[in-house]
C-alpha atoms as a PDB file:
ATOM      1  CA  UNK A   1       8.762  13.452 -38.693  1.00  0.00           C
ATOM      2  CA  UNK A   2      11.621  16.040 -38.305  1.00  0.00           C
ATOM      3  CA  UNK A   3      11.492  17.005 -34.678  1.00  0.00           C
ATOM      4  CA  UNK A   4      14.296  19.924 -35.209  1.00  0.00           C
ATOM      5  CA  UNK A   5      14.633  22.143 -38.098  1.00  0.00           C
ATOM      6  CA  UNK A   6      16.353  25.409 -38.951  1.00  0.00           C
ATOM      7  CA  UNK A   7      14.363  27.880 -40.964  1.00  0.00           C
ATOM      8  CA  UNK A   8      14.702  31.621 -42.195  1.00  0.00           C
ATOM      9  CA  UNK A   9      12.621  34.403 -43.595  1.00  0.00           C
ATOM     10  CA  UNK A  10      11.728  32.577 -46.748  1.00  0.00           C
ATOM     11  CA  UNK A  11      10.053  29.522 -45.285  1.00  0.00           C
ATOM     12  CA  UNK A  12       8.771  30.889 -41.922  1.00  0.00           C
ATOM     13  CA  UNK A  13       5.117  31.125 -43.043  1.00  0.00           C
ATOM     14  CA  UNK A  14       5.130  27.491 -44.553  1.00  0.00           C
ATOM     15  CA  UNK A  15       7.176  26.012 -41.797  1.00  0.00           C
ATOM     16  CA  UNK A  16       6.005  27.727 -38.715  1.00  0.00           C
ATOM     17  CA  UNK A  17       2.473  29.522 -39.053  1.00  0.00           C
ATOM     18  CA  UNK A  18       0.853  26.983 -41.619  1.00  0.00           C
ATOM     19  CA  UNK A  19       2.443  23.652 -40.019  1.00  0.00           C
ATOM     20  CA  UNK A  20       0.996  24.917 -36.400  1.00  0.00           C
ATOM     21  CA  UNK A  21      -2.274  23.940 -37.590  1.00  0.00           C
ATOM     22  CA  UNK A  22      -1.321  20.467 -37.806  1.00  0.00           C
ATOM     23  CA  UNK A  23       0.544  20.478 -34.405  1.00  0.00           C
ATOM     24  CA  UNK A  24       2.288  22.424 -31.861  1.00  0.00           C
ATOM     25  CA  UNK A  25       5.545  24.393 -32.916  1.00  0.00           C
ATOM     26  CA  UNK A  26       8.033  25.494 -30.476  1.00  0.00           C
ATOM     27  CA  UNK A  27       9.894  28.476 -32.037  1.00  0.00           C
ATOM     28  CA  UNK A  28      13.426  29.076 -30.549  1.00  0.00           C
ATOM     29  CA  UNK A  29      14.916  32.547 -31.291  1.00  0.00           C
ATOM     30  CA  UNK A  30      18.765  32.083 -30.565  1.00  0.00           C
ATOM     31  CA  UNK A  31      22.206  33.371 -31.394  1.00  0.00           C
ATOM     32  CA  UNK A  32      25.344  31.313 -31.961  1.00  0.00           C
ATOM     33  CA  UNK A  33      27.172  33.569 -29.393  1.00  0.00           C
ATOM     34  CA  UNK A  34      24.586  33.056 -26.786  1.00  0.00           C
ATOM     35  CA  UNK A  35      25.623  30.679 -23.861  1.00  0.00           C
ATOM     36  CA  UNK A  36      22.232  30.207 -22.354  1.00  0.00           C
ATOM     37  CA  UNK A  37      20.994  29.161 -25.936  1.00  0.00           C
ATOM     38  CA  UNK A  38      23.343  26.346 -26.003  1.00  0.00           C
ATOM     39  CA  UNK A  39      22.127  25.230 -22.608  1.00  0.00           C
ATOM     40  CA  UNK A  40      18.392  25.032 -23.548  1.00  0.00           C
ATOM     41  CA  UNK A  41      18.575  23.759 -26.979  1.00  0.00           C
ATOM     42  CA  UNK A  42      19.586  20.250 -26.344  1.00  0.00           C
ATOM     43  CA  UNK A  43      16.846  20.026 -23.763  1.00  0.00           C
ATOM     44  CA  UNK A  44      14.318  21.303 -26.256  1.00  0.00           C
ATOM     45  CA  UNK A  45      15.432  18.783 -28.817  1.00  0.00           C
ATOM     46  CA  UNK A  46      15.147  16.092 -26.322  1.00  0.00           C
ATOM     47  CA  UNK A  47      11.880  17.204 -25.242  1.00  0.00           C
ATOM     48  CA  UNK A  48      10.517  17.735 -28.902  1.00  0.00           C
ATOM     49  CA  UNK A  49      10.843  13.865 -29.351  1.00  0.00           C
ATOM     50  CA  UNK A  50       9.241  13.144 -26.183  1.00  0.00           C
ATOM     51  CA  UNK A  51       6.322  15.393 -26.500  1.00  0.00           C
ATOM     52  CA  UNK A  52       6.136  15.037 -30.007  1.00  0.00           C
ATOM     53  CA  UNK A  53       6.276  18.735 -31.088  1.00  0.00           C
ATOM     54  CA  UNK A  54       8.510  20.300 -33.838  1.00  0.00           C
ATOM     55  CA  UNK A  55      11.060  22.528 -32.757  1.00  0.00           C
ATOM     56  CA  UNK A  56      11.901  25.238 -34.962  1.00  0.00           C
ATOM     57  CA  UNK A  57      14.978  27.219 -34.660  1.00  0.00           C
ATOM     58  CA  UNK A  58      15.729  30.846 -35.805  1.00  0.00           C
ATOM     59  CA  UNK A  59      19.050  32.522 -35.952  1.00  0.00           C
ATOM     60  CA  UNK A  60      18.570  36.265 -34.975  1.00  0.00           C
ATOM     61  CA  UNK A  61      21.668  37.411 -36.547  1.00  0.00           C
ATOM     62  CA  UNK A  62      20.907  35.677 -39.794  1.00  0.00           C
ATOM     63  CA  UNK A  63      17.137  36.760 -39.717  1.00  0.00           C
ATOM     64  CA  UNK A  64      17.082  40.192 -38.016  1.00  0.00           C
ATOM     65  CA  UNK A  65      13.846  40.903 -39.779  1.00  0.00           C
ATOM     66  CA  UNK A  66      11.991  38.062 -38.072  1.00  0.00           C
ATOM     67  CA  UNK A  67      13.649  39.061 -34.640  1.00  0.00           C
ATOM     68  CA  UNK A  68      12.426  42.704 -35.122  1.00  0.00           C
ATOM     69  CA  UNK A  69       8.959  41.667 -36.244  1.00  0.00           C
ATOM     70  CA  UNK A  70       8.491  39.618 -33.341  1.00  0.00           C
ATOM     71  CA  UNK A  71       9.994  41.904 -30.779  1.00  0.00           C
ATOM     72  CA  UNK A  72      12.928  39.454 -29.883  1.00  0.00           C
ATOM     73  CA  UNK A  73      15.062  41.511 -27.236  1.00  0.00           C
ATOM     74  CA  UNK A  74      17.228  38.787 -25.465  1.00  0.00           C
ATOM     75  CA  UNK A  75      17.770  35.145 -26.532  1.00  0.00           C
ATOM     76  CA  UNK A  76      17.037  32.395 -26.003  1.00  0.00           C
ATOM     77  CA  UNK A  77      13.467  33.782 -26.766  1.00  0.00           C
ATOM     78  CA  UNK A  78      11.099  30.740 -27.103  1.00  0.00           C
ATOM     79  CA  UNK A  79       7.424  30.979 -28.247  1.00  0.00           C
ATOM     80  CA  UNK A  80       4.744  28.375 -28.778  1.00  0.00           C
ATOM     81  CA  UNK A  81       2.854  28.561 -31.960  1.00  0.00           C
ATOM     82  CA  UNK A  82      -0.409  26.827 -32.373  1.00  0.00           C
ATOM     83  CA  UNK A  83      -3.223  27.225 -34.946  1.00  0.00           C
ATOM     84  CA  UNK A  84      -1.489  30.046 -36.484  1.00  0.00           C
ATOM     85  CA  UNK A  85      -1.119  32.159 -33.327  1.00  0.00           C
ATOM     86  CA  UNK A  86       2.456  33.080 -31.934  1.00  0.00           C
ATOM     87  CA  UNK A  87       2.110  32.686 -28.113  1.00  0.00           C
ATOM     88  CA  UNK A  88       4.331  33.724 -25.349  1.00  0.00           C
ATOM     89  CA  UNK A  89       6.732  31.163 -23.733  1.00  0.00           C
ATOM     90  CA  UNK A  90       9.806  32.176 -22.056  1.00  0.00           C
ATOM     91  CA  UNK A  91      13.036  33.913 -22.261  1.00  0.00           C
ATOM     92  CA  UNK A  92      16.367  32.701 -20.904  1.00  0.00           C
ATOM     93  CA  UNK A  93      17.413  29.069 -19.907  1.00  0.00           C
ATOM     94  CA  UNK A  94      14.782  27.081 -18.034  1.00  0.00           C
ATOM     95  CA  UNK A  95      15.798  24.044 -16.342  1.00  0.00           C
ATOM     96  CA  UNK A  96      14.170  20.620 -17.632  1.00  0.00           C
ATOM     97  CA  UNK A  97      11.414  20.356 -14.828  1.00  0.00           C
ATOM     98  CA  UNK A  98      10.232  23.777 -15.598  1.00  0.00           C
ATOM     99  CA  UNK A  99      10.019  22.969 -19.394  1.00  0.00           C
ATOM    100  CA  UNK A 100       8.179  19.791 -18.808  1.00  0.00           C
ATOM    101  CA  UNK A 101       5.623  21.825 -16.664  1.00  0.00           C
ATOM    102  CA  UNK A 102       5.199  24.252 -19.308  1.00  0.00           C
ATOM    103  CA  UNK A 103       4.606  21.757 -22.074  1.00  0.00           C
ATOM    104  CA  UNK A 104       2.204  19.808 -19.704  1.00  0.00           C
ATOM    105  CA  UNK A 105       0.237  22.925 -19.270  1.00  0.00           C
ATOM    106  CA  UNK A 106      -0.038  23.328 -23.042  1.00  0.00           C
ATOM    107  CA  UNK A 107      -1.755  20.007 -23.160  1.00  0.00           C
ATOM    108  CA  UNK A 108       1.250  18.323 -24.452  1.00  0.00           C
ATOM    109  CA  UNK A 109       1.456  14.679 -23.161  1.00  0.00           C
ATOM    110  CA  UNK A 110       5.031  12.821 -23.021  1.00  0.00           C
ATOM    111  CA  UNK A 111       5.861   9.371 -24.163  1.00  0.00           C
ATOM    112  CA  UNK A 112       6.653   8.515 -20.607  1.00  0.00           C
ATOM    113  CA  UNK A 113       3.362   9.939 -19.353  1.00  0.00           C
ATOM    114  CA  UNK A 114       1.446   8.041 -22.014  1.00  0.00           C
ATOM    115  CA  UNK A 115       3.268   4.964 -21.049  1.00  0.00           C
ATOM    116  CA  UNK A 116       2.667   5.272 -17.151  1.00  0.00           C
ATOM    117  CA  UNK A 117      -1.010   5.792 -17.931  1.00  0.00           C
ATOM    118  CA  UNK A 118      -1.232   2.647 -20.213  1.00  0.00           C
ATOM    119  CA  UNK A 119       0.523   0.638 -17.497  1.00  0.00           C
ATOM    120  CA  UNK A 120      -1.830   2.031 -14.634  1.00  0.00           C
ATOM    121  CA  UNK A 121      -4.868   0.991 -17.050  1.00  0.00           C
ATOM    122  CA  UNK A 122      -3.598  -2.359 -17.788  1.00  0.00           C
ATOM    123  CA  UNK A 123      -2.918  -3.110 -13.768  1.00  0.00           C
ATOM    124  CA  UNK A 124      -6.612  -1.699 -12.876  1.00  0.00           C
ATOM    125  CA  UNK A 125      -8.007  -4.182 -15.537  1.00  0.00           C
ATOM    126  CA  UNK A 126      -5.864  -7.036 -14.221  1.00  0.00           C
ATOM    127  CA  UNK A 127      -3.972  -7.424 -17.352  1.00  0.00           C
ATOM    128  CA  UNK A 128      -0.534  -8.134 -15.910  1.00  0.00           C
ATOM    129  CA  UNK A 129       1.178  -9.371 -18.935  1.00  0.00           C
ATOM    130  CA  UNK A 130       0.478  -6.133 -20.792  1.00  0.00           C
ATOM    131  CA  UNK A 131       1.490  -4.029 -17.786  1.00  0.00           C
ATOM    132  CA  UNK A 132       4.880  -5.889 -17.595  1.00  0.00           C
ATOM    133  CA  UNK A 133       5.386  -5.231 -21.394  1.00  0.00           C
ATOM    134  CA  UNK A 134       4.909  -1.621 -20.647  1.00  0.00           C
ATOM    135  CA  UNK A 135       7.308  -1.668 -17.788  1.00  0.00           C
ATOM    136  CA  UNK A 136       9.954  -3.517 -20.055  1.00  0.00           C
ATOM    137  CA  UNK A 137       9.501  -0.493 -22.685  1.00  0.00           C
ATOM    138  CA  UNK A 138       9.748   2.414 -20.159  1.00  0.00           C
ATOM    139  CA  UNK A 139      12.705   0.831 -18.146  1.00  0.00           C
ATOM    140  CA  UNK A 140      14.413   0.584 -21.456  1.00  0.00           C
ATOM    141  CA  UNK A 141      13.730   4.152 -22.474  1.00  0.00           C
ATOM    142  CA  UNK A 142      13.680   5.516 -18.942  1.00  0.00           C
ATOM    143  CA  UNK A 143      16.179   3.461 -16.964  1.00  0.00           C
ATOM    144  CA  UNK A 144      16.510   5.853 -14.219  1.00  0.00           C
ATOM    145  CA  UNK A 145      13.000   7.425 -14.126  1.00  0.00           C
ATOM    146  CA  UNK A 146      11.563   7.466 -10.472  1.00  0.00           C
ATOM    147  CA  UNK A 147       8.011   7.478 -11.518  1.00  0.00           C
ATOM    148  CA  UNK A 148       8.518   4.210 -13.495  1.00  0.00           C
ATOM    149  CA  UNK A 149      10.413   2.706 -10.387  1.00  0.00           C
ATOM    150  CA  UNK A 150       7.530   3.672  -8.152  1.00  0.00           C
ATOM    151  CA  UNK A 151       4.791   2.357 -10.183  1.00  0.00           C
ATOM    152  CA  UNK A 152       6.621  -0.900 -10.541  1.00  0.00           C
ATOM    153  CA  UNK A 153       7.195  -1.084  -6.816  1.00  0.00           C
ATOM    154  CA  UNK A 154       3.497  -0.650  -6.503  1.00  0.00           C
ATOM    155  CA  UNK A 155       2.894  -3.387  -9.214  1.00  0.00           C
ATOM    156  CA  UNK A 156       5.409  -5.885  -7.495  1.00  0.00           C
ATOM    157  CA  UNK A 157       3.664  -5.327  -4.169  1.00  0.00           C
ATOM    158  CA  UNK A 158       0.397  -6.044  -5.814  1.00  0.00           C
ATOM    159  CA  UNK A 159       1.591  -9.189  -7.182  1.00  0.00           C
ATOM    160  CA  UNK A 160       2.933 -10.400  -3.627  1.00  0.00           C
ATOM    161  CA  UNK A 161       6.484  -9.850  -4.430  1.00  0.00           C
ATOM    162  CA  UNK A 162       7.748  -7.348  -1.590  1.00  0.00           C
ATOM    163  CA  UNK A 163      11.380  -8.381  -1.769  1.00  0.00           C
ATOM    164  CA  UNK A 164      11.636  -7.440  -5.502  1.00  0.00           C
ATOM    165  CA  UNK A 165       9.826  -4.241  -4.828  1.00  0.00           C
ATOM    166  CA  UNK A 166      12.376  -3.281  -2.160  1.00  0.00           C
ATOM    167  CA  UNK A 167      15.187  -4.114  -4.425  1.00  0.00           C
ATOM    168  CA  UNK A 168      13.849  -1.852  -7.156  1.00  0.00           C
ATOM    169  CA  UNK A 169      13.662   0.864  -4.361  1.00  0.00           C
ATOM    170  CA  UNK A 170      17.230   0.877  -3.874  1.00  0.00           C
ATOM    171  CA  UNK A 171      17.842   1.763  -7.445  1.00  0.00           C
ATOM    172  CA  UNK A 172      16.082   4.968  -7.053  1.00  0.00           C
ATOM    173  CA  UNK A 173      18.847   7.652  -6.564  1.00  0.00           C
ATOM    174  CA  UNK A 174      16.414  10.558  -5.531  1.00  0.00           C
ATOM    175  CA  UNK A 175      15.343   9.976  -2.024  1.00  0.00           C
ATOM    176  CA  UNK A 176      11.859  11.651  -2.200  1.00  0.00           C
ATOM    177  CA  UNK A 177       9.302  11.487   0.743  1.00  0.00           C
ATOM    178  CA  UNK A 178       7.336   8.604  -1.437  1.00  0.00           C
ATOM    179  CA  UNK A 179      10.537   6.524  -1.851  1.00  0.00           C
ATOM    180  CA  UNK A 180      11.111   7.085   1.977  1.00  0.00           C
ATOM    181  CA  UNK A 181       7.662   6.052   2.829  1.00  0.00           C
ATOM    182  CA  UNK A 182       7.507   2.827   0.438  1.00  0.00           C
ATOM    183  CA  UNK A 183      10.895   1.839   2.000  1.00  0.00           C
ATOM    184  CA  UNK A 184       9.609   2.065   5.571  1.00  0.00           C
ATOM    185  CA  UNK A 185       6.604   0.106   4.613  1.00  0.00           C
ATOM    186  CA  UNK A 186       8.328  -2.651   2.909  1.00  0.00           C
ATOM    187  CA  UNK A 187      10.860  -2.935   5.731  1.00  0.00           C
ATOM    188  CA  UNK A 188       8.025  -3.314   8.130  1.00  0.00           C
ATOM    189  CA  UNK A 189       6.294  -6.129   5.916  1.00  0.00           C
ATOM    190  CA  UNK A 190       9.520  -7.931   5.546  1.00  0.00           C
ATOM    191  CA  UNK A 191      10.175  -8.004   9.436  1.00  0.00           C
ATOM    192  CA  UNK A 192       9.838 -11.127  11.450  1.00  0.00           C
ATOM    193  CA  UNK A 193       6.365 -12.025  12.082  1.00  0.00           C
ATOM    194  CA  UNK A 194       6.728 -14.897  14.606  1.00  0.00           C
ATOM    195  CA  UNK A 195       5.203 -14.924  17.968  1.00  0.00           C
ATOM    196  CA  UNK A 196       2.703 -12.219  17.436  1.00  0.00           C
ATOM    197  CA  UNK A 197       0.990 -10.116  20.053  1.00  0.00           C
ATOM    198  CA  UNK A 198      -1.977  -8.219  19.690  1.00  0.00           C
ATOM    199  CA  UNK A 199      -0.302  -5.111  18.680  1.00  0.00           C
ATOM    200  CA  UNK A 200       1.813  -7.281  16.134  1.00  0.00           C
ATOM    201  CA  UNK A 201      -1.336  -8.388  14.615  1.00  0.00           C
ATOM    202  CA  UNK A 202      -2.620  -4.798  14.152  1.00  0.00           C
ATOM    203  CA  UNK A 203       0.843  -3.674  13.090  1.00  0.00           C
ATOM    204  CA  UNK A 204       1.086  -6.264  10.320  1.00  0.00           C
ATOM    205  CA  UNK A 205      -2.520  -5.613   9.186  1.00  0.00           C
ATOM    206  CA  UNK A 206      -1.776  -2.140   8.812  1.00  0.00           C
ATOM    207  CA  UNK A 207       1.199  -2.667   6.931  1.00  0.00           C
ATOM    208  CA  UNK A 208      -0.683  -5.124   4.648  1.00  0.00           C
ATOM    209  CA  UNK A 209      -3.355  -2.525   3.872  1.00  0.00           C
ATOM    210  CA  UNK A 210      -0.840  -0.004   3.165  1.00  0.00           C
ATOM    211  CA  UNK A 211       0.880  -2.096   0.598  1.00  0.00           C
ATOM    212  CA  UNK A 212      -2.464  -2.701  -0.931  1.00  0.00           C
ATOM    213  CA  UNK A 213      -3.148   1.066  -0.981  1.00  0.00           C
ATOM    214  CA  UNK A 214      -5.995   0.836   1.205  1.00  0.00           C
ATOM    215  CA  UNK A 215      -4.510   3.611   3.407  1.00  0.00           C
ATOM    216  CA  UNK A 216      -7.254   4.628   5.681  1.00  0.00           C
ATOM    217  CA  UNK A 217      -7.808   1.013   6.840  1.00  0.00           C
ATOM    218  CA  UNK A 218      -3.869   1.151   7.537  1.00  0.00           C
ATOM    219  CA  UNK A 219      -3.877   4.555   9.128  1.00  0.00           C
ATOM    220  CA  UNK A 220      -6.674   3.588  11.447  1.00  0.00           C
ATOM    221  CA  UNK A 221      -4.639   0.486  12.728  1.00  0.00           C
ATOM    222  CA  UNK A 222      -1.253   2.386  13.273  1.00  0.00           C
ATOM    223  CA  UNK A 223      -3.216   5.108  15.088  1.00  0.00           C
ATOM    224  CA  UNK A 224      -4.649   2.568  17.303  1.00  0.00           C
ATOM    225  CA  UNK A 225      -1.126   1.111  18.218  1.00  0.00           C
ATOM    226  CA  UNK A 226       0.085   4.693  18.923  1.00  0.00           C
ATOM    227  CA  UNK A 227      -2.775   5.296  21.398  1.00  0.00           C
ATOM    228  CA  UNK A 228      -1.958   1.803  23.140  1.00  0.00           C
ATOM    229  CA  UNK A 229       1.989   2.080  23.083  1.00  0.00           C
ATOM    230  CA  UNK A 230       3.933   4.786  21.493  1.00  0.00           C
ATOM    231  CA  UNK A 231       7.244   2.750  22.330  1.00  0.00           C
ATOM    232  CA  UNK A 232       5.828  -0.245  20.130  1.00  0.00           C
ATOM    233  CA  UNK A 233       8.695  -1.210  17.551  1.00  0.00           C
ATOM    234  CA  UNK A 234      10.709   1.644  18.285  1.00  0.00           C
ATOM    235  CA  UNK A 235       7.905   3.872  17.468  1.00  0.00           C
ATOM    236  CA  UNK A 236       7.159   2.109  14.630  1.00  0.00           C
ATOM    237  CA  UNK A 237       3.506   2.734  14.334  1.00  0.00           C
ATOM    238  CA  UNK A 238       4.137   6.441  13.994  1.00  0.00           C
ATOM    239  CA  UNK A 239       6.781   6.034  11.467  1.00  0.00           C
ATOM    240  CA  UNK A 240       4.517   3.903   9.595  1.00  0.00           C
ATOM    241  CA  UNK A 241       1.851   6.868   9.644  1.00  0.00           C
ATOM    242  CA  UNK A 242       4.581   9.388   8.514  1.00  0.00           C
ATOM    243  CA  UNK A 243       5.343   7.009   5.679  1.00  0.00           C
ATOM    244  CA  UNK A 244       1.824   6.893   4.421  1.00  0.00           C
ATOM    245  CA  UNK A 245       1.632  10.682   4.710  1.00  0.00           C
ATOM    246  CA  UNK A 246       4.801  10.865   2.544  1.00  0.00           C
ATOM    247  CA  UNK A 247       3.421   8.580  -0.146  1.00  0.00           C
ATOM    248  CA  UNK A 248      -0.225  10.448  -0.392  1.00  0.00           C
ATOM    249  CA  UNK A 249       1.238  14.087  -0.100  1.00  0.00           C
ATOM    250  CA  UNK A 250       0.580  16.358   2.620  1.00  0.00           C
ATOM    251  CA  UNK A 251      -2.381  18.107   0.761  1.00  0.00           C
ATOM    252  CA  UNK A 252      -4.429  14.884   0.822  1.00  0.00           C
ATOM    253  CA  UNK A 253      -7.581  15.227   2.913  1.00  0.00           C
ATOM    254  CA  UNK A 254      -7.140  12.025   4.785  1.00  0.00           C
ATOM    255  CA  UNK A 255      -3.445  12.724   5.533  1.00  0.00           C
ATOM    256  CA  UNK A 256      -4.569  15.914   7.148  1.00  0.00           C
ATOM    257  CA  UNK A 257      -7.414  14.068   9.076  1.00  0.00           C
ATOM    258  CA  UNK A 258      -4.830  11.497  10.485  1.00  0.00           C
ATOM    259  CA  UNK A 259      -2.364  14.235  11.066  1.00  0.00           C
ATOM    260  CA  UNK A 260      -4.472  16.049  13.391  1.00  0.00           C
ATOM    261  CA  UNK A 261      -5.690  12.662  15.170  1.00  0.00           C
ATOM    262  CA  UNK A 262      -1.909  11.669  15.575  1.00  0.00           C
ATOM    263  CA  UNK A 263      -1.001  15.268  17.026  1.00  0.00           C
ATOM    264  CA  UNK A 264      -3.869  14.770  19.650  1.00  0.00           C
ATOM    265  CA  UNK A 265      -2.652  11.497  20.622  1.00  0.00           C
ATOM    266  CA  UNK A 266       0.936  12.544  20.888  1.00  0.00           C
ATOM    267  CA  UNK A 267       0.445  15.853  22.620  1.00  0.00           C
END
């Protein structure tokens, strides 16, 4: 399959309209002299392979009839063609993240998203060898993708390998709230557990539940520690709660509930 082709007025009908019934076409009206066109083109070519669509390029200077017919006023002018219909896309150079959002809204699924979904299914079925093979493929293709690394962290924790999980976290360049949250929980889980007090028992139970993704059980234990001793482990229980909040996201109903409970205890 050709992911990127150049067309003209003579083959527009066959290469764009007719082939759009077989799969999504991304139509890029561009000009050689256009700076933003040169910025967005390599991104579109890259994403064409990842999202399995055909990028069709039209030079407006060589094909002014097509530019006039479709009302192109500025370039790059990118349209989406599906089932014979030419739909609005965007004008100008969008960053990669916004392009991905656009293609996801169109129902296109990237090889990365498909690979992550397959790994998650394998993990849920307990098919760890298949999950490992999936990780090997994705790490080879996306060596610096945080979503692959974070899923690998969760997988290693489930296998009882927190040290390896912590090492993978160190390779992630972008320090997102979720990454920070996992680092906090793993650091707590790897801390010295000798000579435990009752609060220590609660704390390590909470950490264990958090790493097993039983977050409400974990938050209950950390909240109990905050209620009994705010100074425990240098405010460790509150920090652990914040770590879970970051992992789940602030829109999560359980996060909202436990944020309110924590606020009540603190103030």
